[in-house]
Amino acid sequence: MKLAGWVLLVAAAPLCASAQEPNTGQLRSEAQRVVKIISGDKAKLQTYCEIMNLSDQADDASNSGERARAEELSKRADELTQQLGPDYAALMEGLQTVDPMSPVGLEISTTLAALDKLCH
């Protein structure tokens, strides 16, 4: 998955209530499970791809100064995220505690990239 998309999704997910260190082994397993669930369900994969498309559009709008459009696109992506289920939501919540540039963050990003490849 594109790093920018991951960062946008993590920022859009609900904030974690605790400041505990993440269980990186569990996050790795969750990422693998989420990839398997979404890639095995055509409707969820289509939703995931739509979320990535909206995230890219929101990023473009934000970069070009179209704040209102970026917020609208992000809101639509957030609404679609609900359709991916509790496993995806839990993963996104857990990822809030991981630096995307850390070794664990990069490993999970690589795992999630399998879904991004299915969108093209």
PDB file of N, CA and C in Angstrom:
ATOM      1  N   MET A   1       0.850  -1.165   0.000  1.00  0.00           N
ATOM      2  CA  MET A   1       0.000   0.000   0.000  1.00  0.00           C
ATOM      3  C   MET A   1       0.888   1.217   0.000  1.00  0.00           C
ATOM      4  N   LYS A   2       0.469   2.233  -0.690  1.00  0.00           N
ATOM      5  CA  LYS A   2       1.249   3.452  -0.727  1.00  0.00           C
ATOM      6  C   LYS A   2       1.381   4.009   0.674  1.00  0.00           C
ATOM      7  N   LEU A   3       2.565   4.455   1.009  1.00  0.00           N
ATOM      8  CA  LEU A   3       2.819   4.982   2.349  1.00  0.00           C
ATOM      9  C   LEU A   3       1.916   6.166   2.646  1.00  0.00           C
ATOM     10  N   ALA A   4       1.709   7.036   1.674  1.00  0.00           N
ATOM     11  CA  ALA A   4       0.834   8.196   1.895  1.00  0.00           C
ATOM     12  C   ALA A   4      -0.580   7.747   2.206  1.00  0.00           C
ATOM     13  N   GLY A   5      -1.057   6.724   1.518  1.00  0.00           N
ATOM     14  CA  GLY A   5      -2.392   6.194   1.781  1.00  0.00           C
ATOM     15  C   GLY A   5      -2.499   5.619   3.171  1.00  0.00           C
ATOM     16  N   TRP A   6      -1.466   4.915   3.602  1.00  0.00           N
ATOM     17  CA  TRP A   6      -1.463   4.333   4.947  1.00  0.00           C
ATOM     18  C   TRP A   6      -1.500   5.434   5.987  1.00  0.00           C
ATOM     19  N   VAL A   7      -0.685   6.462   5.779  1.00  0.00           N
ATOM     20  CA  VAL A   7      -0.649   7.565   6.730  1.00  0.00           C
ATOM     21  C   VAL A   7      -2.016   8.240   6.781  1.00  0.00           C
ATOM     22  N   LEU A   8      -2.661   8.440   5.626  1.00  0.00           N
ATOM     23  CA  LEU A   8      -3.975   9.067   5.603  1.00  0.00           C
ATOM     24  C   LEU A   8      -5.001   8.204   6.317  1.00  0.00           C
ATOM     25  N   LEU A   9      -4.981   6.906   6.069  1.00  0.00           N
ATOM     26  CA  LEU A   9      -5.936   6.018   6.726  1.00  0.00           C
ATOM     27  C   LEU A   9      -5.706   5.960   8.229  1.00  0.00           C
ATOM     28  N   VAL A  10      -4.471   5.920   8.639  1.00  0.00           N
ATOM     29  CA  VAL A  10      -4.169   5.887  10.063  1.00  0.00           C
ATOM     30  C   VAL A  10      -4.636   7.181  10.717  1.00  0.00           C
ATOM     31  N   ALA A  11      -4.422   8.295  10.057  1.00  0.00           N
ATOM     32  CA  ALA A  11      -4.850   9.575  10.617  1.00  0.00           C
ATOM     33  C   ALA A  11      -6.368   9.666  10.687  1.00  0.00           C
ATOM     34  N   ALA A  12      -7.063   8.999   9.761  1.00  0.00           N
ATOM     35  CA  ALA A  12      -8.524   9.065   9.726  1.00  0.00           C
ATOM     36  C   ALA A  12      -9.175   8.103  10.711  1.00  0.00           C
ATOM     37  N   ALA A  13      -8.463   7.087  11.159  1.00  0.00           N
ATOM     38  CA  ALA A  13      -9.026   6.103  12.085  1.00  0.00           C
ATOM     39  C   ALA A  13      -9.196   6.731  13.468  1.00  0.00           C
ATOM     40  N   PRO A  14     -10.085   6.181  14.297  1.00  0.00           N
ATOM     41  CA  PRO A  14     -10.270   6.725  15.644  1.00  0.00           C
ATOM     42  C   PRO A  14      -8.978   6.653  16.456  1.00  0.00           C
ATOM     43  N   LEU A  15      -8.786   7.615  17.318  1.00  0.00           N
ATOM     44  CA  LEU A  15      -7.567   7.658  18.128  1.00  0.00           C
ATOM     45  C   LEU A  15      -7.561   6.564  19.172  1.00  0.00           C
ATOM     46  N   CYS A  16      -6.390   6.028  19.414  1.00  0.00           N
ATOM     47  CA  CYS A  16      -6.228   5.004  20.448  1.00  0.00           C
ATOM     48  C   CYS A  16      -6.408   5.634  21.815  1.00  0.00           C
ATOM     49  N   ALA A  17      -7.072   4.933  22.693  1.00  0.00           N
ATOM     50  CA  ALA A  17      -7.312   5.465  24.031  1.00  0.00           C
ATOM     51  C   ALA A  17      -6.082   5.317  24.918  1.00  0.00           C
ATOM     52  N   SER A  18      -5.255   4.315  24.664  1.00  0.00           N
ATOM     53  CA  SER A  18      -4.103   4.088  25.525  1.00  0.00           C
ATOM     54  C   SER A  18      -2.819   4.520  24.839  1.00  0.00           C
ATOM     55  N   ALA A  19      -1.810   4.784  25.649  1.00  0.00           N
ATOM     56  CA  ALA A  19      -0.521   5.185  25.115  1.00  0.00           C
ATOM     57  C   ALA A  19       0.475   4.042  25.232  1.00  0.00           C
ATOM     58  N   GLN A  20      -0.021   2.821  25.280  1.00  0.00           N
ATOM     59  CA  GLN A  20       0.845   1.662  25.419  1.00  0.00           C
ATOM     60  C   GLN A  20       1.614   1.404  24.124  1.00  0.00           C
ATOM     61  N   GLU A  21       2.739   0.743  24.283  1.00  0.00           N
ATOM     62  CA  GLU A  21       3.508   0.330  23.118  1.00  0.00           C
ATOM     63  C   GLU A  21       2.711  -0.728  22.357  1.00  0.00           C
ATOM     64  N   PRO A  22       2.752  -0.687  21.037  1.00  0.00           N
ATOM     65  CA  PRO A  22       1.999  -1.666  20.266  1.00  0.00           C
ATOM     66  C   PRO A  22       2.630  -3.051  20.357  1.00  0.00           C
ATOM     67  N   ASN A  23       1.799  -4.052  20.255  1.00  0.00           N
ATOM     68  CA  ASN A  23       2.287  -5.411  20.160  1.00  0.00           C
ATOM     69  C   ASN A  23       2.574  -5.640  18.682  1.00  0.00           C
ATOM     70  N   THR A  24       3.845  -5.457  18.305  1.00  0.00           N
ATOM     71  CA  THR A  24       4.194  -5.480  16.888  1.00  0.00           C
ATOM     72  C   THR A  24       3.954  -6.842  16.255  1.00  0.00           C
ATOM     73  N   GLY A  25       4.167  -7.908  17.016  1.00  0.00           N
ATOM     74  CA  GLY A  25       3.891  -9.246  16.481  1.00  0.00           C
ATOM     75  C   GLY A  25       2.419  -9.412  16.163  1.00  0.00           C
ATOM     76  N   GLN A  26       1.574  -8.893  17.036  1.00  0.00           N
ATOM     77  CA  GLN A  26       0.135  -8.973  16.820  1.00  0.00           C
ATOM     78  C   GLN A  26      -0.268  -8.118  15.619  1.00  0.00           C
ATOM     79  N   LEU A  27       0.313  -6.927  15.481  1.00  0.00           N
ATOM     80  CA  LEU A  27      -0.001  -6.074  14.337  1.00  0.00           C
ATOM     81  C   LEU A  27       0.416  -6.729  13.027  1.00  0.00           C
ATOM     82  N   ARG A  28       1.558  -7.388  13.035  1.00  0.00           N
ATOM     83  CA  ARG A  28       1.992  -8.100  11.828  1.00  0.00           C
ATOM     84  C   ARG A  28       0.980  -9.172  11.453  1.00  0.00           C
ATOM     85  N   SER A  29       0.538  -9.945  12.444  1.00  0.00           N
ATOM     86  CA  SER A  29      -0.452 -11.000  12.206  1.00  0.00           C
ATOM     87  C   SER A  29      -1.772 -10.419  11.736  1.00  0.00           C
ATOM     88  N   GLU A  30      -2.205  -9.311  12.354  1.00  0.00           N
ATOM     89  CA  GLU A  30      -3.446  -8.659  11.951  1.00  0.00           C
ATOM     90  C   GLU A  30      -3.363  -8.178  10.507  1.00  0.00           C
ATOM     91  N   ALA A  31      -2.227  -7.601  10.131  1.00  0.00           N
ATOM     92  CA  ALA A  31      -2.058  -7.119   8.762  1.00  0.00           C
ATOM     93  C   ALA A  31      -2.173  -8.278   7.773  1.00  0.00           C
ATOM     94  N   GLN A  32      -1.539  -9.395   8.078  1.00  0.00           N
ATOM     95  CA  GLN A  32      -1.619 -10.557   7.199  1.00  0.00           C
ATOM     96  C   GLN A  32      -3.053 -11.071   7.110  1.00  0.00           C
ATOM     97  N   ARG A  33      -3.750 -11.097   8.247  1.00  0.00           N
ATOM     98  CA  ARG A  33      -5.136 -11.571   8.269  1.00  0.00           C
ATOM     99  C   ARG A  33      -6.042 -10.630   7.467  1.00  0.00           C
ATOM    100  N   VAL A  34      -5.856  -9.324   7.618  1.00  0.00           N
ATOM    101  CA  VAL A  34      -6.664  -8.348   6.893  1.00  0.00           C
ATOM    102  C   VAL A  34      -6.443  -8.475   5.388  1.00  0.00           C
ATOM    103  N   VAL A  35      -5.206  -8.644   4.979  1.00  0.00           N
ATOM    104  CA  VAL A  35      -4.914  -8.812   3.548  1.00  0.00           C
ATOM    105  C   VAL A  35      -5.624 -10.057   3.020  1.00  0.00           C
ATOM    106  N   LYS A  36      -5.590 -11.133   3.776  1.00  0.00           N
ATOM    107  CA  LYS A  36      -6.248 -12.367   3.356  1.00  0.00           C
ATOM    108  C   LYS A  36      -7.768 -12.183   3.262  1.00  0.00           C
ATOM    109  N   ILE A  37      -8.355 -11.541   4.269  1.00  0.00           N
ATOM    110  CA  ILE A  37      -9.807 -11.325   4.296  1.00  0.00           C
ATOM    111  C   ILE A  37     -10.246 -10.455   3.119  1.00  0.00           C
ATOM    112  N   ILE A  38      -9.589  -9.324   2.937  1.00  0.00           N
ATOM    113  CA  ILE A  38     -10.006  -8.383   1.896  1.00  0.00           C
ATOM    114  C   ILE A  38      -9.725  -8.942   0.504  1.00  0.00           C
ATOM    115  N   SER A  39      -8.585  -9.565   0.323  1.00  0.00           N
ATOM    116  CA  SER A  39      -8.256 -10.082  -1.016  1.00  0.00           C
ATOM    117  C   SER A  39      -9.152 -11.260  -1.396  1.00  0.00           C
ATOM    118  N   GLY A  40      -9.740 -11.924  -0.414  1.00  0.00           N
ATOM    119  CA  GLY A  40     -10.617 -13.056  -0.690  1.00  0.00           C
ATOM    120  C   GLY A  40     -12.087 -12.687  -0.851  1.00  0.00           C
ATOM    121  N   ASP A  41     -12.408 -11.412  -0.741  1.00  0.00           N
ATOM    122  CA  ASP A  41     -13.795 -10.958  -0.819  1.00  0.00           C
ATOM    123  C   ASP A  41     -13.859  -9.828  -1.856  1.00  0.00           C
ATOM    124  N   LYS A  42     -14.489 -10.115  -3.007  1.00  0.00           N
ATOM    125  CA  LYS A  42     -14.508  -9.134  -4.099  1.00  0.00           C
ATOM    126  C   LYS A  42     -15.127  -7.798  -3.691  1.00  0.00           C
ATOM    127  N   ALA A  43     -16.193  -7.843  -2.908  1.00  0.00           N
ATOM    128  CA  ALA A  43     -16.850  -6.599  -2.493  1.00  0.00           C
ATOM    129  C   ALA A  43     -15.930  -5.778  -1.581  1.00  0.00           C
ATOM    130  N   LYS A  44     -15.266  -6.456  -0.644  1.00  0.00           N
ATOM    131  CA  LYS A  44     -14.350  -5.737   0.255  1.00  0.00           C
ATOM    132  C   LYS A  44     -13.145  -5.204  -0.509  1.00  0.00           C
ATOM    133  N   LEU A  45     -12.662  -5.974  -1.469  1.00  0.00           N
ATOM    134  CA  LEU A  45     -11.527  -5.509  -2.270  1.00  0.00           C
ATOM    135  C   LEU A  45     -11.921  -4.274  -3.075  1.00  0.00           C
ATOM    136  N   GLN A  46     -13.103  -4.292  -3.658  1.00  0.00           N
ATOM    137  CA  GLN A  46     -13.577  -3.129  -4.410  1.00  0.00           C
ATOM    138  C   GLN A  46     -13.692  -1.912  -3.492  1.00  0.00           C
ATOM    139  N   THR A  47     -14.205  -2.113  -2.291  1.00  0.00           N
ATOM    140  CA  THR A  47     -14.320  -1.018  -1.316  1.00  0.00           C
ATOM    141  C   THR A  47     -12.936  -0.496  -0.939  1.00  0.00           C
ATOM    142  N   TYR A  48     -12.005  -1.423  -0.673  1.00  0.00           N
ATOM    143  CA  TYR A  48     -10.640  -1.029  -0.325  1.00  0.00           C
ATOM    144  C   TYR A  48     -10.028  -0.187  -1.450  1.00  0.00           C
ATOM    145  N   CYS A  49     -10.189  -0.630  -2.682  1.00  0.00           N
ATOM    146  CA  CYS A  49      -9.621   0.091  -3.822  1.00  0.00           C
ATOM    147  C   CYS A  49     -10.251   1.479  -3.963  1.00  0.00           C
ATOM    148  N   GLU A  50     -11.553   1.560  -3.696  1.00  0.00           N
ATOM    149  CA  GLU A  50     -12.223   2.851  -3.743  1.00  0.00           C
ATOM    150  C   GLU A  50     -11.685   3.781  -2.654  1.00  0.00           C
ATOM    151  N   ILE A  51     -11.428   3.230  -1.482  1.00  0.00           N
ATOM    152  CA  ILE A  51     -10.846   4.022  -0.392  1.00  0.00           C
ATOM    153  C   ILE A  51      -9.468   4.552  -0.798  1.00  0.00           C
ATOM    154  N   MET A  52      -8.659   3.697  -1.401  1.00  0.00           N
ATOM    155  CA  MET A  52      -7.328   4.131  -1.833  1.00  0.00           C
ATOM    156  C   MET A  52      -7.436   5.224  -2.889  1.00  0.00           C
ATOM    157  N   ASN A  53      -8.386   5.082  -3.812  1.00  0.00           N
ATOM    158  CA  ASN A  53      -8.595   6.094  -4.845  1.00  0.00           C
ATOM    159  C   ASN A  53      -9.024   7.421  -4.220  1.00  0.00           C
ATOM    160  N   LEU A  54      -9.971   7.363  -3.295  1.00  0.00           N
ATOM    161  CA  LEU A  54     -10.414   8.577  -2.605  1.00  0.00           C
ATOM    162  C   LEU A  54      -9.278   9.207  -1.805  1.00  0.00           C
ATOM    163  N   SER A  55      -8.455   8.376  -1.176  1.00  0.00           N
ATOM    164  CA  SER A  55      -7.316   8.880  -0.406  1.00  0.00           C
ATOM    165  C   SER A  55      -6.320   9.599  -1.303  1.00  0.00           C
ATOM    166  N   ASP A  56      -6.064   9.027  -2.475  1.00  0.00           N
ATOM    167  CA  ASP A  56      -5.163   9.673  -3.434  1.00  0.00           C
ATOM    168  C   ASP A  56      -5.738  11.012  -3.892  1.00  0.00           C
ATOM    169  N   GLN A  57      -7.039  11.022  -4.181  1.00  0.00           N
ATOM    170  CA  GLN A  57      -7.690  12.267  -4.608  1.00  0.00           C
ATOM    171  C   GLN A  57      -7.649  13.313  -3.498  1.00  0.00           C
ATOM    172  N   ALA A  58      -7.885  12.884  -2.262  1.00  0.00           N
ATOM    173  CA  ALA A  58      -7.842  13.806  -1.126  1.00  0.00           C
ATOM    174  C   ALA A  58      -6.442  14.383  -0.956  1.00  0.00           C
ATOM    175  N   ASP A  59      -5.433  13.547  -1.128  1.00  0.00           N
ATOM    176  CA  ASP A  59      -4.051  14.009  -1.023  1.00  0.00           C
ATOM    177  C   ASP A  59      -3.749  15.036  -2.113  1.00  0.00           C
ATOM    178  N   ASP A  60      -4.188  14.746  -3.339  1.00  0.00           N
ATOM    179  CA  ASP A  60      -3.990  15.689  -4.447  1.00  0.00           C
ATOM    180  C   ASP A  60      -4.701  17.014  -4.175  1.00  0.00           C
ATOM    181  N   ALA A  61      -5.944  16.923  -3.690  1.00  0.00           N
ATOM    182  CA  ALA A  61      -6.713  18.137  -3.397  1.00  0.00           C
ATOM    183  C   ALA A  61      -6.035  18.949  -2.294  1.00  0.00           C
ATOM    184  N   SER A  62      -5.551  18.268  -1.285  1.00  0.00           N
ATOM    185  CA  SER A  62      -4.866  18.945  -0.187  1.00  0.00           C
ATOM    186  C   SER A  62      -3.601  19.641  -0.681  1.00  0.00           C
ATOM    187  N   ASN A  63      -2.842  18.940  -1.513  1.00  0.00           N
ATOM    188  CA  ASN A  63      -1.599  19.508  -2.046  1.00  0.00           C
ATOM    189  C   ASN A  63      -1.843  20.706  -2.955  1.00  0.00           C
ATOM    190  N   SER A  64      -3.033  20.760  -3.571  1.00  0.00           N
ATOM    191  CA  SER A  64      -3.333  21.890  -4.457  1.00  0.00           C
ATOM    192  C   SER A  64      -4.146  22.971  -3.745  1.00  0.00           C
ATOM    193  N   GLY A  65      -4.271  22.859  -2.423  1.00  0.00           N
ATOM    194  CA  GLY A  65      -4.929  23.896  -1.646  1.00  0.00           C
ATOM    195  C   GLY A  65      -6.437  23.811  -1.594  1.00  0.00           C
ATOM    196  N   GLU A  66      -7.009  22.720  -2.061  1.00  0.00           N
ATOM    197  CA  GLU A  66      -8.460  22.546  -2.050  1.00  0.00           C
ATOM    198  C   GLU A  66      -8.878  21.833  -0.767  1.00  0.00           C
ATOM    199  N   ARG A  67      -8.809  22.551   0.315  1.00  0.00           N
ATOM    200  CA  ARG A  67      -9.051  21.967   1.637  1.00  0.00           C
ATOM    201  C   ARG A  67     -10.460  21.369   1.776  1.00  0.00           C
ATOM    202  N   ALA A  68     -11.475  22.081   1.331  1.00  0.00           N
ATOM    203  CA  ALA A  68     -12.856  21.596   1.462  1.00  0.00           C
ATOM    204  C   ALA A  68     -13.041  20.296   0.676  1.00  0.00           C
ATOM    205  N   ARG A  69     -12.507  20.253  -0.518  1.00  0.00           N
ATOM    206  CA  ARG A  69     -12.617  19.028  -1.341  1.00  0.00           C
ATOM    207  C   ARG A  69     -11.855  17.884  -0.676  1.00  0.00           C
ATOM    208  N   ALA A  70     -10.679  18.162  -0.154  1.00  0.00           N
ATOM    209  CA  ALA A  70      -9.884  17.134   0.522  1.00  0.00           C
ATOM    210  C   ALA A  70     -10.650  16.569   1.715  1.00  0.00           C
ATOM    211  N   GLU A  71     -11.285  17.450   2.482  1.00  0.00           N
ATOM    212  CA  GLU A  71     -12.068  16.992   3.637  1.00  0.00           C
ATOM    213  C   GLU A  71     -13.263  16.152   3.208  1.00  0.00           C
ATOM    214  N   GLU A  72     -13.932  16.557   2.135  1.00  0.00           N
ATOM    215  CA  GLU A  72     -15.084  15.796   1.622  1.00  0.00           C
ATOM    216  C   GLU A  72     -14.648  14.395   1.178  1.00  0.00           C
ATOM    217  N   LEU A  73     -13.552  14.333   0.445  1.00  0.00           N
ATOM    218  CA  LEU A  73     -13.054  13.040  -0.031  1.00  0.00           C
ATOM    219  C   LEU A  73     -12.622  12.156   1.136  1.00  0.00           C
ATOM    220  N   SER A  74     -11.970  12.747   2.128  1.00  0.00           N
ATOM    221  CA  SER A  74     -11.546  11.988   3.308  1.00  0.00           C
ATOM    222  C   SER A  74     -12.756  11.459   4.076  1.00  0.00           C
ATOM    223  N   LYS A  75     -13.794  12.265   4.164  1.00  0.00           N
ATOM    224  CA  LYS A  75     -15.015  11.830   4.856  1.00  0.00           C
ATOM    225  C   LYS A  75     -15.647  10.642   4.133  1.00  0.00           C
ATOM    226  N   ARG A  76     -15.690  10.693   2.804  1.00  0.00           N
ATOM    227  CA  ARG A  76     -16.241   9.569   2.033  1.00  0.00           C
ATOM    228  C   ARG A  76     -15.402   8.312   2.236  1.00  0.00           C
ATOM    229  N   ALA A  77     -14.089   8.477   2.281  1.00  0.00           N
ATOM    230  CA  ALA A  77     -13.209   7.330   2.514  1.00  0.00           C
ATOM    231  C   ALA A  77     -13.447   6.751   3.906  1.00  0.00           C
ATOM    232  N   ASP A  78     -13.622   7.626   4.890  1.00  0.00           N
ATOM    233  CA  ASP A  78     -13.900   7.176   6.265  1.00  0.00           C
ATOM    234  C   ASP A  78     -15.182   6.359   6.318  1.00  0.00           C
ATOM    235  N   GLU A  79     -16.212   6.828   5.622  1.00  0.00           N
ATOM    236  CA  GLU A  79     -17.496   6.119   5.606  1.00  0.00           C
ATOM    237  C   GLU A  79     -17.345   4.723   5.003  1.00  0.00           C
ATOM    238  N   LEU A  80     -16.568   4.612   3.948  1.00  0.00           N
ATOM    239  CA  LEU A  80     -16.360   3.317   3.303  1.00  0.00           C
ATOM    240  C   LEU A  80     -15.541   2.368   4.177  1.00  0.00           C
ATOM    241  N   THR A  81     -14.670   2.927   4.984  1.00  0.00           N
ATOM    242  CA  THR A  81     -13.813   2.111   5.844  1.00  0.00           C
ATOM    243  C   THR A  81     -14.648   1.211   6.749  1.00  0.00           C
ATOM    244  N   GLN A  82     -15.805   1.684   7.167  1.00  0.00           N
ATOM    245  CA  GLN A  82     -16.702   0.897   8.020  1.00  0.00           C
ATOM    246  C   GLN A  82     -17.079  -0.436   7.355  1.00  0.00           C
ATOM    247  N   GLN A  83     -17.159  -0.431   6.039  1.00  0.00           N
ATOM    248  CA  GLN A  83     -17.581  -1.619   5.298  1.00  0.00           C
ATOM    249  C   GLN A  83     -16.514  -2.716   5.273  1.00  0.00           C
ATOM    250  N   LEU A  84     -15.302  -2.382   5.643  1.00  0.00           N
ATOM    251  CA  LEU A  84     -14.229  -3.378   5.614  1.00  0.00           C
ATOM    252  C   LEU A  84     -14.200  -4.248   6.864  1.00  0.00           C
ATOM    253  N   GLY A  85     -14.981  -3.887   7.858  1.00  0.00           N
ATOM    254  CA  GLY A  85     -15.134  -4.741   9.026  1.00  0.00           C
ATOM    255  C   GLY A  85     -14.236  -4.391  10.193  1.00  0.00           C
ATOM    256  N   PRO A  86     -14.493  -5.080  11.308  1.00  0.00           N
ATOM    257  CA  PRO A  86     -13.788  -4.774  12.562  1.00  0.00           C
ATOM    258  C   PRO A  86     -12.300  -5.137  12.533  1.00  0.00           C
ATOM    259  N   ASP A  87     -11.908  -6.146  11.766  1.00  0.00           N
ATOM    260  CA  ASP A  87     -10.489  -6.503  11.701  1.00  0.00           C
ATOM    261  C   ASP A  87      -9.676  -5.369  11.085  1.00  0.00           C
ATOM    262  N   TYR A  88     -10.210  -4.792  10.020  1.00  0.00           N
ATOM    263  CA  TYR A  88      -9.538  -3.679   9.361  1.00  0.00           C
ATOM    264  C   TYR A  88      -9.476  -2.473  10.300  1.00  0.00           C
ATOM    265  N   ALA A  89     -10.605  -2.185  10.964  1.00  0.00           N
ATOM    266  CA  ALA A  89     -10.654  -1.056  11.895  1.00  0.00           C
ATOM    267  C   ALA A  89      -9.645  -1.238  13.029  1.00  0.00           C
ATOM    268  N   ALA A  90      -9.561  -2.454  13.566  1.00  0.00           N
ATOM    269  CA  ALA A  90      -8.615  -2.734  14.648  1.00  0.00           C
ATOM    270  C   ALA A  90      -7.170  -2.554  14.175  1.00  0.00           C
ATOM    271  N   LEU A  91      -6.894  -2.997  12.964  1.00  0.00           N
ATOM    272  CA  LEU A  91      -5.544  -2.836  12.413  1.00  0.00           C
ATOM    273  C   LEU A  91      -5.214  -1.351  12.268  1.00  0.00           C
ATOM    274  N   MET A  92      -6.139  -0.574  11.704  1.00  0.00           N
ATOM    275  CA  MET A  92      -5.889   0.852  11.519  1.00  0.00           C
ATOM    276  C   MET A  92      -5.679   1.546  12.867  1.00  0.00           C
ATOM    277  N   GLU A  93      -6.437   1.143  13.866  1.00  0.00           N
ATOM    278  CA  GLU A  93      -6.266   1.716  15.203  1.00  0.00           C
ATOM    279  C   GLU A  93      -4.893   1.362  15.762  1.00  0.00           C
ATOM    280  N   GLY A  94      -4.496   0.113  15.610  1.00  0.00           N
ATOM    281  CA  GLY A  94      -3.192  -0.320  16.099  1.00  0.00           C
ATOM    282  C   GLY A  94      -2.039   0.362  15.382  1.00  0.00           C
ATOM    283  N   LEU A  95      -2.221   0.649  14.104  1.00  0.00           N
ATOM    284  CA  LEU A  95      -1.157   1.284  13.331  1.00  0.00           C
ATOM    285  C   LEU A  95      -0.892   2.719  13.762  1.00  0.00           C
ATOM    286  N   GLN A  96      -1.821   3.316  14.476  1.00  0.00           N
ATOM    287  CA  GLN A  96      -1.620   4.688  14.955  1.00  0.00           C
ATOM    288  C   GLN A  96      -0.445   4.778  15.917  1.00  0.00           C
ATOM    289  N   THR A  97      -0.084   3.667  16.515  1.00  0.00           N
ATOM    290  CA  THR A  97       0.998   3.669  17.489  1.00  0.00           C
ATOM    291  C   THR A  97       2.337   3.279  16.870  1.00  0.00           C
ATOM    292  N   VAL A  98       2.351   3.073  15.560  1.00  0.00           N
ATOM    293  CA  VAL A  98       3.563   2.629  14.870  1.00  0.00           C
ATOM    294  C   VAL A  98       4.058   3.724  13.934  1.00  0.00           C
ATOM    295  N   ASP A  99       5.337   4.017  14.023  1.00  0.00           N
ATOM    296  CA  ASP A  99       5.959   4.954  13.089  1.00  0.00           C
ATOM    297  C   ASP A  99       6.007   4.278  11.720  1.00  0.00           C
ATOM    298  N   PRO A 100       5.375   4.874  10.686  1.00  0.00           N
ATOM    299  CA  PRO A 100       5.363   4.246   9.360  1.00  0.00           C
ATOM    300  C   PRO A 100       6.755   4.027   8.776  1.00  0.00           C
ATOM    301  N   MET A 101       7.746   4.776   9.272  1.00  0.00           N
ATOM    302  CA  MET A 101       9.105   4.640   8.751  1.00  0.00           C
ATOM    303  C   MET A 101       9.964   3.699   9.589  1.00  0.00           C
ATOM    304  N   SER A 102       9.414   3.163  10.658  1.00  0.00           N
ATOM    305  CA  SER A 102      10.156   2.202  11.480  1.00  0.00           C
ATOM    306  C   SER A 102      10.225   0.869  10.753  1.00  0.00           C
ATOM    307  N   PRO A 103      11.126  -0.019  11.174  1.00  0.00           N
ATOM    308  CA  PRO A 103      11.194  -1.332  10.532  1.00  0.00           C
ATOM    309  C   PRO A 103       9.849  -2.073  10.564  1.00  0.00           C
ATOM    310  N   VAL A 104       9.145  -2.013  11.682  1.00  0.00           N
ATOM    311  CA  VAL A 104       7.841  -2.675  11.776  1.00  0.00           C
ATOM    312  C   VAL A 104       6.841  -1.986  10.858  1.00  0.00           C
ATOM    313  N   GLY A 105       6.828  -0.658  10.855  1.00  0.00           N
ATOM    314  CA  GLY A 105       5.928   0.093   9.984  1.00  0.00           C
ATOM    315  C   GLY A 105       6.157  -0.223   8.517  1.00  0.00           C
ATOM    316  N   LEU A 106       7.418  -0.293   8.129  1.00  0.00           N
ATOM    317  CA  LEU A 106       7.744  -0.613   6.741  1.00  0.00           C
ATOM    318  C   LEU A 106       7.359  -2.050   6.393  1.00  0.00           C
ATOM    319  N   GLU A 107       7.542  -2.965   7.339  1.00  0.00           N
ATOM    320  CA  GLU A 107       7.163  -4.363   7.105  1.00  0.00           C
ATOM    321  C   GLU A 107       5.645  -4.486   6.917  1.00  0.00           C
ATOM    322  N   ILE A 108       4.887  -3.811   7.762  1.00  0.00           N
ATOM    323  CA  ILE A 108       3.431  -3.863   7.651  1.00  0.00           C
ATOM    324  C   ILE A 108       2.978  -3.184   6.363  1.00  0.00           C
ATOM    325  N   SER A 109       3.630  -2.103   6.002  1.00  0.00           N
ATOM    326  CA  SER A 109       3.312  -1.418   4.749  1.00  0.00           C
ATOM    327  C   SER A 109       3.543  -2.345   3.558  1.00  0.00           C
ATOM    328  N   THR A 110       4.609  -3.103   3.603  1.00  0.00           N
ATOM    329  CA  THR A 110       4.893  -4.073   2.542  1.00  0.00           C
ATOM    330  C   THR A 110       3.811  -5.151   2.490  1.00  0.00           C
ATOM    331  N   THR A 111       3.372  -5.603   3.646  1.00  0.00           N
ATOM    332  CA  THR A 111       2.302  -6.598   3.706  1.00  0.00           C
ATOM    333  C   THR A 111       1.027  -6.048   3.085  1.00  0.00           C
ATOM    334  N   LEU A 112       0.687  -4.820   3.445  1.00  0.00           N
ATOM    335  CA  LEU A 112      -0.534  -4.201   2.929  1.00  0.00           C
ATOM    336  C   LEU A 112      -0.422  -3.844   1.442  1.00  0.00           C
ATOM    337  N   ALA A 113       0.806  -3.737   0.932  1.00  0.00           N
ATOM    338  CA  ALA A 113       1.006  -3.416  -0.485  1.00  0.00           C
ATOM    339  C   ALA A 113       0.407  -4.479  -1.389  1.00  0.00           C
ATOM    340  N   ALA A 114       0.249  -5.691  -0.885  1.00  0.00           N
ATOM    341  CA  ALA A 114      -0.375  -6.755  -1.680  1.00  0.00           C
ATOM    342  C   ALA A 114      -1.788  -6.359  -2.093  1.00  0.00           C
ATOM    343  N   LEU A 115      -2.501  -5.662  -1.213  1.00  0.00           N
ATOM    344  CA  LEU A 115      -3.853  -5.193  -1.556  1.00  0.00           C
ATOM    345  C   LEU A 115      -3.796  -4.103  -2.601  1.00  0.00           C
ATOM    346  N   ASP A 116      -2.860  -3.193  -2.442  1.00  0.00           N
ATOM    347  CA  ASP A 116      -2.740  -2.083  -3.387  1.00  0.00           C
ATOM    348  C   ASP A 116      -2.495  -2.605  -4.792  1.00  0.00           C
ATOM    349  N   LYS A 117      -1.699  -3.643  -4.915  1.00  0.00           N
ATOM    350  CA  LYS A 117      -1.403  -4.227  -6.229  1.00  0.00           C
ATOM    351  C   LYS A 117      -2.655  -4.808  -6.877  1.00  0.00           C
ATOM    352  N   LEU A 118      -3.588  -5.291  -6.071  1.00  0.00           N
ATOM    353  CA  LEU A 118      -4.820  -5.860  -6.599  1.00  0.00           C
ATOM    354  C   LEU A 118      -5.776  -4.803  -7.119  1.00  0.00           C
ATOM    355  N   CYS A 119      -5.524  -3.558  -6.794  1.00  0.00           N
ATOM    356  CA  CYS A 119      -6.398  -2.455  -7.222  1.00  0.00           C
ATOM    357  C   CYS A 119      -6.056  -1.959  -8.622  1.00  0.00           C
ATOM    358  N   HIS A 120      -4.972  -2.391  -9.171  1.00  0.00           N
ATOM    359  CA  HIS A 120      -4.554  -1.879 -10.483  1.00  0.00           C
ATOM    360  C   HIS A 120      -4.778  -2.867 -11.576  1.00  0.00           C
TER     361      HIS A 120
END
